[in-house]
Amino acid sequence: MREFKDEDGSNWVAYAINDAAIEAPGRRYLPDAFQQGWLVFECGERKLRLAPVPAGWSDMRDEQLRELLSAAKPSTTTTPRGMRAFGAASDDDTSKPG
């Protein structure tokens, strides 16, 4: 895990999710680039990810981590298309009074 500041002075935490941490059932829903893991960047409620994990990222200078951060993409839901998260309303639910 690494901590660094971006160009605006915001504090970020970076850590890797490796392929050993990804359970087999969930792996089938991951895009190909994420099958072997990814690098996560977190700052408050903001979460970005970059795949694949760059070699030597944990030893990089802060300037290099900022470059990786600029290439990272916002984290998206991992719920497969057509499925709902537990407790989420379905698309055909209506709010008509009964």
PDB file of N, CA and C in Angstrom:
ATOM      1  N   MET A   1       0.842  -1.165   0.000  1.00  0.00           N
ATOM      2  CA  MET A   1       0.000   0.000   0.000  1.00  0.00           C
ATOM      3  C   MET A   1       0.891   1.232   0.000  1.00  0.00           C
ATOM      4  N   ARG A   2       0.470   2.214  -0.808  1.00  0.00           N
ATOM      5  CA  ARG A   2       1.233   3.463  -0.886  1.00  0.00           C
ATOM      6  C   ARG A   2       0.309   4.647  -0.687  1.00  0.00           C
ATOM      7  N   GLU A   3       0.813   5.684  -0.060  1.00  0.00           N
ATOM      8  CA  GLU A   3       0.094   6.944   0.065  1.00  0.00           C
ATOM      9  C   GLU A   3       0.899   8.012  -0.653  1.00  0.00           C
ATOM     10  N   PHE A   4       0.183   8.891  -1.352  1.00  0.00           N
ATOM     11  CA  PHE A   4       0.838   9.985  -2.069  1.00  0.00           C
ATOM     12  C   PHE A   4      -0.170  11.099  -2.287  1.00  0.00           C
ATOM     13  N   LYS A   5       0.325  12.268  -2.696  1.00  0.00           N
ATOM     14  CA  LYS A   5      -0.533  13.420  -2.982  1.00  0.00           C
ATOM     15  C   LYS A   5      -0.577  13.658  -4.482  1.00  0.00           C
ATOM     16  N   ASP A   6      -1.768  14.045  -4.960  1.00  0.00           N
ATOM     17  CA  ASP A   6      -1.876  14.403  -6.371  1.00  0.00           C
ATOM     18  C   ASP A   6      -1.423  15.848  -6.558  1.00  0.00           C
ATOM     19  N   GLU A   7      -1.536  16.355  -7.775  1.00  0.00           N
ATOM     20  CA  GLU A   7      -1.056  17.711  -8.072  1.00  0.00           C
ATOM     21  C   GLU A   7      -1.827  18.782  -7.316  1.00  0.00           C
ATOM     22  N   ASP A   8      -3.068  18.469  -6.902  1.00  0.00           N
ATOM     23  CA  ASP A   8      -3.884  19.422  -6.148  1.00  0.00           C
ATOM     24  C   ASP A   8      -3.674  19.325  -4.642  1.00  0.00           C
ATOM     25  N   GLY A   9      -2.839  18.373  -4.208  1.00  0.00           N
ATOM     26  CA  GLY A   9      -2.573  18.197  -2.796  1.00  0.00           C
ATOM     27  C   GLY A   9      -3.502  17.226  -2.086  1.00  0.00           C
ATOM     28  N   SER A  10      -4.384  16.557  -2.856  1.00  0.00           N
ATOM     29  CA  SER A  10      -5.280  15.565  -2.250  1.00  0.00           C
ATOM     30  C   SER A  10      -4.502  14.300  -1.938  1.00  0.00           C
ATOM     31  N   ASN A  11      -4.833  13.677  -0.809  1.00  0.00           N
ATOM     32  CA  ASN A  11      -4.174  12.439  -0.392  1.00  0.00           C
ATOM     33  C   ASN A  11      -4.826  11.238  -1.059  1.00  0.00           C
ATOM     34  N   TRP A  12      -4.021  10.370  -1.658  1.00  0.00           N
ATOM     35  CA  TRP A  12      -4.482   9.151  -2.310  1.00  0.00           C
ATOM     36  C   TRP A  12      -3.802   7.943  -1.674  1.00  0.00           C
ATOM     37  N   VAL A  13      -4.513   6.834  -1.682  1.00  0.00           N
ATOM     38  CA  VAL A  13      -3.959   5.552  -1.262  1.00  0.00           C
ATOM     39  C   VAL A  13      -4.022   4.650  -2.478  1.00  0.00           C
ATOM     40  N   ALA A  14      -2.925   3.957  -2.751  1.00  0.00           N
ATOM     41  CA  ALA A  14      -2.874   3.009  -3.862  1.00  0.00           C
ATOM     42  C   ALA A  14      -2.573   1.621  -3.306  1.00  0.00           C
ATOM     43  N   TYR A  15      -3.271   0.618  -3.825  1.00  0.00           N
ATOM     44  CA  TYR A  15      -3.011  -0.766  -3.438  1.00  0.00           C
ATOM     45  C   TYR A  15      -3.413  -1.685  -4.575  1.00  0.00           C
ATOM     46  N   ALA A  16      -2.807  -2.848  -4.599  1.00  0.00           N
ATOM     47  CA  ALA A  16      -3.048  -3.804  -5.682  1.00  0.00           C
ATOM     48  C   ALA A  16      -4.027  -4.877  -5.242  1.00  0.00           C
ATOM     49  N   ILE A  17      -4.896  -5.259  -6.166  1.00  0.00           N
ATOM     50  CA  ILE A  17      -5.748  -6.434  -6.031  1.00  0.00           C
ATOM     51  C   ILE A  17      -5.129  -7.456  -6.975  1.00  0.00           C
ATOM     52  N   ASN A  18      -4.619  -8.560  -6.405  1.00  0.00           N
ATOM     53  CA  ASN A  18      -3.967  -9.532  -7.282  1.00  0.00           C
ATOM     54  C   ASN A  18      -4.914 -10.670  -7.629  1.00  0.00           C
ATOM     55  N   ASP A  19      -4.524 -11.484  -8.578  1.00  0.00           N
ATOM     56  CA  ASP A  19      -5.406 -12.546  -9.064  1.00  0.00           C
ATOM     57  C   ASP A  19      -5.747 -13.561  -7.978  1.00  0.00           C
ATOM     58  N   ALA A  20      -4.920 -13.719  -6.958  1.00  0.00           N
ATOM     59  CA  ALA A  20      -5.211 -14.663  -5.882  1.00  0.00           C
ATOM     60  C   ALA A  20      -6.392 -14.186  -5.030  1.00  0.00           C
ATOM     61  N   ALA A  21      -6.661 -12.873  -5.031  1.00  0.00           N
ATOM     62  CA  ALA A  21      -7.745 -12.323  -4.229  1.00  0.00           C
ATOM     63  C   ALA A  21      -9.089 -12.372  -4.954  1.00  0.00           C
ATOM     64  N   ILE A  22      -9.074 -12.722  -6.229  1.00  0.00           N
ATOM     65  CA  ILE A  22     -10.298 -12.728  -7.023  1.00  0.00           C
ATOM     66  C   ILE A  22     -10.881 -14.136  -7.022  1.00  0.00           C
ATOM     67  N   GLU A  23     -12.060 -14.280  -6.454  1.00  0.00           N
ATOM     68  CA  GLU A  23     -12.685 -15.595  -6.380  1.00  0.00           C
ATOM     69  C   GLU A  23     -13.158 -16.036  -7.759  1.00  0.00           C
ATOM     70  N   ALA A  24     -13.052 -17.324  -8.028  1.00  0.00           N
ATOM     71  CA  ALA A  24     -13.376 -17.887  -9.343  1.00  0.00           C
ATOM     72  C   ALA A  24     -14.752 -17.509  -9.866  1.00  0.00           C
ATOM     73  N   PRO A  25     -15.844 -17.590  -9.070  1.00  0.00           N
ATOM     74  CA  PRO A  25     -17.153 -17.260  -9.621  1.00  0.00           C
ATOM     75  C   PRO A  25     -17.236 -15.815 -10.131  1.00  0.00           C
ATOM     76  N   GLY A  26     -16.619 -14.874  -9.435  1.00  0.00           N
ATOM     77  CA  GLY A  26     -16.659 -13.481  -9.852  1.00  0.00           C
ATOM     78  C   GLY A  26     -15.733 -13.170 -11.008  1.00  0.00           C
ATOM     79  N   ARG A  27     -14.714 -13.980 -11.194  1.00  0.00           N
ATOM     80  CA  ARG A  27     -13.720 -13.739 -12.238  1.00  0.00           C
ATOM     81  C   ARG A  27     -14.342 -13.722 -13.629  1.00  0.00           C
ATOM     82  N   ARG A  28     -15.362 -14.538 -13.853  1.00  0.00           N
ATOM     83  CA  ARG A  28     -15.940 -14.630 -15.200  1.00  0.00           C
ATOM     84  C   ARG A  28     -16.594 -13.334 -15.641  1.00  0.00           C
ATOM     85  N   TYR A  29     -16.928 -12.454 -14.698  1.00  0.00           N
ATOM     86  CA  TYR A  29     -17.566 -11.191 -15.042  1.00  0.00           C
ATOM     87  C   TYR A  29     -16.576 -10.049 -15.235  1.00  0.00           C
ATOM     88  N   LEU A  30     -15.326 -10.300 -14.962  1.00  0.00           N
ATOM     89  CA  LEU A  30     -14.315  -9.252 -15.099  1.00  0.00           C
ATOM     90  C   LEU A  30     -13.893  -9.082 -16.544  1.00  0.00           C
ATOM     91  N   PRO A  31     -13.677  -7.836 -16.963  1.00  0.00           N
ATOM     92  CA  PRO A  31     -13.099  -7.622 -18.296  1.00  0.00           C
ATOM     93  C   PRO A  31     -11.728  -8.299 -18.371  1.00  0.00           C
ATOM     94  N   ASP A  32     -11.318  -8.685 -19.563  1.00  0.00           N
ATOM     95  CA  ASP A  32     -10.046  -9.400 -19.743  1.00  0.00           C
ATOM     96  C   ASP A  32      -8.873  -8.705 -19.068  1.00  0.00           C
ATOM     97  N   ALA A  33      -8.807  -7.394 -19.168  1.00  0.00           N
ATOM     98  CA  ALA A  33      -7.673  -6.644 -18.610  1.00  0.00           C
ATOM     99  C   ALA A  33      -7.574  -6.792 -17.091  1.00  0.00           C
ATOM    100  N   PHE A  34      -8.692  -7.134 -16.422  1.00  0.00           N
ATOM    101  CA  PHE A  34      -8.715  -7.215 -14.968  1.00  0.00           C
ATOM    102  C   PHE A  34      -8.576  -8.639 -14.449  1.00  0.00           C
ATOM    103  N   GLN A  35      -8.440  -9.618 -15.310  1.00  0.00           N
ATOM    104  CA  GLN A  35      -8.370 -11.017 -14.900  1.00  0.00           C
ATOM    105  C   GLN A  35      -7.185 -11.314 -13.991  1.00  0.00           C
ATOM    106  N   GLN A  36      -6.079 -10.605 -14.164  1.00  0.00           N
ATOM    107  CA  GLN A  36      -4.884 -10.839 -13.358  1.00  0.00           C
ATOM    108  C   GLN A  36      -4.720  -9.828 -12.230  1.00  0.00           C
ATOM    109  N   GLY A  37      -5.742  -9.011 -11.995  1.00  0.00           N
ATOM    110  CA  GLY A  37      -5.694  -8.027 -10.923  1.00  0.00           C
ATOM    111  C   GLY A  37      -5.629  -6.606 -11.443  1.00  0.00           C
ATOM    112  N   TRP A  38      -5.652  -5.645 -10.519  1.00  0.00           N
ATOM    113  CA  TRP A  38      -5.633  -4.247 -10.888  1.00  0.00           C
ATOM    114  C   TRP A  38      -5.096  -3.420  -9.729  1.00  0.00           C
ATOM    115  N   LEU A  39      -4.769  -2.182 -10.034  1.00  0.00           N
ATOM    116  CA  LEU A  39      -4.282  -1.234  -9.045  1.00  0.00           C
ATOM    117  C   LEU A  39      -5.436  -0.304  -8.698  1.00  0.00           C
ATOM    118  N   VAL A  40      -5.700  -0.129  -7.408  1.00  0.00           N
ATOM    119  CA  VAL A  40      -6.785   0.726  -6.928  1.00  0.00           C
ATOM    120  C   VAL A  40      -6.186   2.022  -6.396  1.00  0.00           C
ATOM    121  N   PHE A  41      -6.849   3.130  -6.721  1.00  0.00           N
ATOM    122  CA  PHE A  41      -6.501   4.441  -6.178  1.00  0.00           C
ATOM    123  C   PHE A  41      -7.736   4.960  -5.453  1.00  0.00           C
ATOM    124  N   GLU A  42      -7.597   5.328  -4.164  1.00  0.00           N
ATOM    125  CA  GLU A  42      -8.718   5.836  -3.389  1.00  0.00           C
ATOM    126  C   GLU A  42      -8.371   7.172  -2.759  1.00  0.00           C
ATOM    127  N   CYS A  43      -9.362   8.063  -2.816  1.00  0.00           N
ATOM    128  CA  CYS A  43      -9.249   9.377  -2.189  1.00  0.00           C
ATOM    129  C   CYS A  43     -10.655   9.737  -1.717  1.00  0.00           C
ATOM    130  N   GLY A  44     -10.917   9.579  -0.423  1.00  0.00           N
ATOM    131  CA  GLY A  44     -12.271   9.818   0.081  1.00  0.00           C
ATOM    132  C   GLY A  44     -13.244   8.857  -0.593  1.00  0.00           C
ATOM    133  N   GLU A  45     -14.279   9.404  -1.205  1.00  0.00           N
ATOM    134  CA  GLU A  45     -15.283   8.594  -1.893  1.00  0.00           C
ATOM    135  C   GLU A  45     -14.863   8.239  -3.322  1.00  0.00           C
ATOM    136  N   ARG A  46     -13.791   8.835  -3.784  1.00  0.00           N
ATOM    137  CA  ARG A  46     -13.333   8.572  -5.163  1.00  0.00           C
ATOM    138  C   ARG A  46     -12.525   7.297  -5.207  1.00  0.00           C
ATOM    139  N   LYS A  47     -12.817   6.475  -6.225  1.00  0.00           N
ATOM    140  CA  LYS A  47     -12.079   5.229  -6.389  1.00  0.00           C
ATOM    141  C   LYS A  47     -11.839   5.020  -7.881  1.00  0.00           C
ATOM    142  N   LEU A  48     -10.574   4.849  -8.222  1.00  0.00           N
ATOM    143  CA  LEU A  48     -10.176   4.599  -9.606  1.00  0.00           C
ATOM    144  C   LEU A  48      -9.405   3.294  -9.656  1.00  0.00           C
ATOM    145  N   ARG A  49      -9.355   2.692 -10.832  1.00  0.00           N
ATOM    146  CA  ARG A  49      -8.574   1.463 -10.958  1.00  0.00           C
ATOM    147  C   ARG A  49      -7.848   1.434 -12.296  1.00  0.00           C
ATOM    148  N   LEU A  50      -6.752   0.692 -12.293  1.00  0.00           N
ATOM    149  CA  LEU A  50      -5.885   0.589 -13.459  1.00  0.00           C
ATOM    150  C   LEU A  50      -5.465  -0.866 -13.619  1.00  0.00           C
ATOM    151  N   ALA A  51      -5.646  -1.395 -14.818  1.00  0.00           N
ATOM    152  CA  ALA A  51      -5.251  -2.786 -15.091  1.00  0.00           C
ATOM    153  C   ALA A  51      -4.448  -2.838 -16.373  1.00  0.00           C
ATOM    154  N   PRO A  52      -3.515  -3.758 -16.419  1.00  0.00           N
ATOM    155  CA  PRO A  52      -3.047  -4.630 -15.344  1.00  0.00           C
ATOM    156  C   PRO A  52      -2.197  -3.846 -14.339  1.00  0.00           C
ATOM    157  N   VAL A  53      -1.846  -4.517 -13.247  1.00  0.00           N
ATOM    158  CA  VAL A  53      -1.013  -3.882 -12.215  1.00  0.00           C
ATOM    159  C   VAL A  53       0.363  -3.608 -12.817  1.00  0.00           C
ATOM    160  N   PRO A  54       0.796  -2.344 -12.835  1.00  0.00           N
ATOM    161  CA  PRO A  54       2.124  -2.036 -13.367  1.00  0.00           C
ATOM    162  C   PRO A  54       3.234  -2.649 -12.511  1.00  0.00           C
ATOM    163  N   ALA A  55       4.195  -3.242 -13.150  1.00  0.00           N
ATOM    164  CA  ALA A  55       5.337  -3.834 -12.445  1.00  0.00           C
ATOM    165  C   ALA A  55       6.084  -2.751 -11.669  1.00  0.00           C
ATOM    166  N   GLY A  56       6.410  -3.057 -10.438  1.00  0.00           N
ATOM    167  CA  GLY A  56       7.205  -2.144  -9.622  1.00  0.00           C
ATOM    168  C   GLY A  56       6.463  -0.917  -9.122  1.00  0.00           C
ATOM    169  N   TRP A  57       5.135  -0.913  -9.190  1.00  0.00           N
ATOM    170  CA  TRP A  57       4.371   0.281  -8.810  1.00  0.00           C
ATOM    171  C   TRP A  57       4.641   0.703  -7.361  1.00  0.00           C
ATOM    172  N   SER A  58       4.851  -0.262  -6.472  1.00  0.00           N
ATOM    173  CA  SER A  58       5.018   0.080  -5.050  1.00  0.00           C
ATOM    174  C   SER A  58       6.346   0.770  -4.755  1.00  0.00           C
ATOM    175  N   ASP A  59       7.288   0.697  -5.686  1.00  0.00           N
ATOM    176  CA  ASP A  59       8.583   1.352  -5.509  1.00  0.00           C
ATOM    177  C   ASP A  59       8.720   2.625  -6.334  1.00  0.00           C
ATOM    178  N   MET A  60       7.647   3.003  -7.028  1.00  0.00           N
ATOM    179  CA  MET A  60       7.712   4.182  -7.893  1.00  0.00           C
ATOM    180  C   MET A  60       7.723   5.469  -7.074  1.00  0.00           C
ATOM    181  N   ARG A  61       8.300   6.505  -7.671  1.00  0.00           N
ATOM    182  CA  ARG A  61       8.264   7.832  -7.069  1.00  0.00           C
ATOM    183  C   ARG A  61       6.833   8.373  -7.153  1.00  0.00           C
ATOM    184  N   ASP A  62       6.514   9.341  -6.306  1.00  0.00           N
ATOM    185  CA  ASP A  62       5.176   9.928  -6.306  1.00  0.00           C
ATOM    186  C   ASP A  62       4.793  10.487  -7.674  1.00  0.00           C
ATOM    187  N   GLU A  63       5.755  11.059  -8.380  1.00  0.00           N
ATOM    188  CA  GLU A  63       5.472  11.611  -9.715  1.00  0.00           C
ATOM    189  C   GLU A  63       4.978  10.502 -10.659  1.00  0.00           C
ATOM    190  N   GLN A  64       5.587   9.334 -10.551  1.00  0.00           N
ATOM    191  CA  GLN A  64       5.188   8.208 -11.391  1.00  0.00           C
ATOM    192  C   GLN A  64       3.798   7.700 -10.996  1.00  0.00           C
ATOM    193  N   LEU A  65       3.504   7.694  -9.699  1.00  0.00           N
ATOM    194  CA  LEU A  65       2.172   7.285  -9.247  1.00  0.00           C
ATOM    195  C   LEU A  65       1.115   8.266  -9.736  1.00  0.00           C
ATOM    196  N   ARG A  66       1.449   9.553  -9.771  1.00  0.00           N
ATOM    197  CA  ARG A  66       0.499  10.542 -10.298  1.00  0.00           C
ATOM    198  C   ARG A  66       0.221  10.287 -11.777  1.00  0.00           C
ATOM    199  N   GLU A  67       1.230   9.854 -12.522  1.00  0.00           N
ATOM    200  CA  GLU A  67       1.020   9.505 -13.940  1.00  0.00           C
ATOM    201  C   GLU A  67       0.090   8.305 -14.067  1.00  0.00           C
ATOM    202  N   LEU A  68       0.292   7.290 -13.217  1.00  0.00           N
ATOM    203  CA  LEU A  68      -0.594   6.127 -13.230  1.00  0.00           C
ATOM    204  C   LEU A  68      -2.017   6.543 -12.854  1.00  0.00           C
ATOM    205  N   LEU A  69      -2.139   7.415 -11.862  1.00  0.00           N
ATOM    206  CA  LEU A  69      -3.442   7.907 -11.437  1.00  0.00           C
ATOM    207  C   LEU A  69      -4.177   8.572 -12.598  1.00  0.00           C
ATOM    208  N   SER A  70      -3.460   9.337 -13.405  1.00  0.00           N
ATOM    209  CA  SER A  70      -4.106  10.025 -14.527  1.00  0.00           C
ATOM    210  C   SER A  70      -4.588   9.046 -15.594  1.00  0.00           C
ATOM    211  N   ALA A  71      -4.014   7.845 -15.627  1.00  0.00           N
ATOM    212  CA  ALA A  71      -4.439   6.824 -16.598  1.00  0.00           C
ATOM    213  C   ALA A  71      -5.536   5.917 -16.048  1.00  0.00           C
ATOM    214  N   ALA A  72      -5.776   5.974 -14.738  1.00  0.00           N
ATOM    215  CA  ALA A  72      -6.773   5.104 -14.107  1.00  0.00           C
ATOM    216  C   ALA A  72      -8.180   5.558 -14.458  1.00  0.00           C
ATOM    217  N   LYS A  73      -9.096   4.607 -14.439  1.00  0.00           N
ATOM    218  CA  LYS A  73     -10.496   4.849 -14.781  1.00  0.00           C
ATOM    219  C   LYS A  73     -11.362   4.713 -13.531  1.00  0.00           C
ATOM    220  N   PRO A  74     -12.492   5.439 -13.502  1.00  0.00           N
ATOM    221  CA  PRO A  74     -13.392   5.295 -12.353  1.00  0.00           C
ATOM    222  C   PRO A  74     -13.830   3.853 -12.171  1.00  0.00           C
ATOM    223  N   SER A  75     -13.936   3.438 -10.940  1.00  0.00           N
ATOM    224  CA  SER A  75     -14.412   2.100 -10.623  1.00  0.00           C
ATOM    225  C   SER A  75     -15.897   2.038 -10.941  1.00  0.00           C
ATOM    226  N   THR A  76     -16.342   0.939 -11.539  1.00  0.00           N
ATOM    227  CA  THR A  76     -17.748   0.771 -11.883  1.00  0.00           C
ATOM    228  C   THR A  76     -18.317  -0.391 -11.102  1.00  0.00           C
ATOM    229  N   THR A  77     -19.614  -0.522 -11.137  1.00  0.00           N
ATOM    230  CA  THR A  77     -20.250  -1.631 -10.450  1.00  0.00           C
ATOM    231  C   THR A  77     -19.776  -2.952 -11.058  1.00  0.00           C
ATOM    232  N   THR A  78     -19.649  -3.942 -10.250  1.00  0.00           N
ATOM    233  CA  THR A  78     -19.229  -5.242 -10.763  1.00  0.00           C
ATOM    234  C   THR A  78     -20.408  -6.184 -10.917  1.00  0.00           C
ATOM    235  N   THR A  79     -21.635  -5.651 -10.737  1.00  0.00           N
ATOM    236  CA  THR A  79     -22.821  -6.475 -10.927  1.00  0.00           C
ATOM    237  C   THR A  79     -22.991  -6.724 -12.418  1.00  0.00           C
ATOM    238  N   PRO A  80     -23.046  -7.986 -12.843  1.00  0.00           N
ATOM    239  CA  PRO A  80     -23.181  -8.288 -14.273  1.00  0.00           C
ATOM    240  C   PRO A  80     -24.464  -7.694 -14.854  1.00  0.00           C
ATOM    241  N   ARG A  81     -24.418  -7.359 -16.133  1.00  0.00           N
ATOM    242  CA  ARG A  81     -25.565  -6.799 -16.826  1.00  0.00           C
ATOM    243  C   ARG A  81     -26.761  -7.748 -16.689  1.00  0.00           C
ATOM    244  N   GLY A  82     -27.919  -7.183 -16.400  1.00  0.00           N
ATOM    245  CA  GLY A  82     -29.121  -7.994 -16.275  1.00  0.00           C
ATOM    246  C   GLY A  82     -29.360  -8.518 -14.873  1.00  0.00           C
ATOM    247  N   MET A  83     -28.409  -8.314 -13.965  1.00  0.00           N
ATOM    248  CA  MET A  83     -28.586  -8.766 -12.585  1.00  0.00           C
ATOM    249  C   MET A  83     -28.738  -7.529 -11.708  1.00  0.00           C
ATOM    250  N   ARG A  84     -29.384  -7.708 -10.560  1.00  0.00           N
ATOM    251  CA  ARG A  84     -29.561  -6.609  -9.619  1.00  0.00           C
ATOM    252  C   ARG A  84     -28.786  -6.898  -8.351  1.00  0.00           C
ATOM    253  N   ALA A  85     -28.289  -5.849  -7.770  1.00  0.00           N
ATOM    254  CA  ALA A  85     -27.651  -5.993  -6.463  1.00  0.00           C
ATOM    255  C   ALA A  85     -28.723  -6.382  -5.462  1.00  0.00           C
ATOM    256  N   PHE A  86     -28.353  -7.084  -4.414  1.00  0.00           N
ATOM    257  CA  PHE A  86     -29.295  -7.524  -3.397  1.00  0.00           C
ATOM    258  C   PHE A  86     -30.056  -6.326  -2.844  1.00  0.00           C
ATOM    259  N   GLY A  87     -31.391  -6.422  -2.848  1.00  0.00           N
ATOM    260  CA  GLY A  87     -32.233  -5.365  -2.302  1.00  0.00           C
ATOM    261  C   GLY A  87     -32.544  -4.239  -3.271  1.00  0.00           C
ATOM    262  N   ALA A  88     -31.950  -4.234  -4.458  1.00  0.00           N
ATOM    263  CA  ALA A  88     -32.209  -3.165  -5.429  1.00  0.00           C
ATOM    264  C   ALA A  88     -33.544  -3.408  -6.117  1.00  0.00           C
ATOM    265  N   ALA A  89     -34.244  -2.331  -6.424  1.00  0.00           N
ATOM    266  CA  ALA A  89     -35.525  -2.438  -7.134  1.00  0.00           C
ATOM    267  C   ALA A  89     -35.284  -2.863  -8.575  1.00  0.00           C
ATOM    268  N   SER A  90     -36.197  -3.653  -9.121  1.00  0.00           N
ATOM    269  CA  SER A  90     -36.076  -4.059 -10.519  1.00  0.00           C
ATOM    270  C   SER A  90     -36.557  -2.927 -11.413  1.00  0.00           C
ATOM    271  N   ASP A  91     -36.194  -2.972 -12.690  1.00  0.00           N
ATOM    272  CA  ASP A  91     -36.571  -1.935 -13.629  1.00  0.00           C
ATOM    273  C   ASP A  91     -38.077  -1.826 -13.806  1.00  0.00           C
ATOM    274  N   ASP A  92     -38.804  -2.936 -13.616  1.00  0.00           N
ATOM    275  CA  ASP A  92     -40.241  -2.903 -13.832  1.00  0.00           C
ATOM    276  C   ASP A  92     -41.046  -2.634 -12.559  1.00  0.00           C
ATOM    277  N   ASP A  93     -40.367  -2.359 -11.444  1.00  0.00           N
ATOM    278  CA  ASP A  93     -41.085  -1.972 -10.215  1.00  0.00           C
ATOM    279  C   ASP A  93     -41.751  -0.623 -10.444  1.00  0.00           C
ATOM    280  N   THR A  94     -42.965  -0.496  -9.967  1.00  0.00           N
ATOM    281  CA  THR A  94     -43.659   0.778 -10.098  1.00  0.00           C
ATOM    282  C   THR A  94     -43.940   1.335  -8.723  1.00  0.00           C
ATOM    283  N   SER A  95     -44.190   2.605  -8.673  1.00  0.00           N
ATOM    284  CA  SER A  95     -44.480   3.220  -7.391  1.00  0.00           C
ATOM    285  C   SER A  95     -45.956   3.599  -7.299  1.00  0.00           C
ATOM    286  N   LYS A  96     -46.830   2.866  -7.999  1.00  0.00           N
ATOM    287  CA  LYS A  96     -48.271   3.130  -7.926  1.00  0.00           C
ATOM    288  C   LYS A  96     -48.790   2.769  -6.557  1.00  0.00           C
ATOM    289  N   PRO A  97     -49.643   3.607  -6.014  1.00  0.00           N
ATOM    290  CA  PRO A  97     -50.224   3.248  -4.721  1.00  0.00           C
ATOM    291  C   PRO A  97     -51.123   2.029  -4.847  1.00  0.00           C
ATOM    292  N   GLY A  98     -51.221   1.203  -3.816  1.00  0.00           N
ATOM    293  CA  GLY A  98     -51.958  -0.040  -3.853  1.00  0.00           C
ATOM    294  C   GLY A  98     -53.324   0.030  -3.410  1.00  0.00           C
TER     295      GLY A  98
END
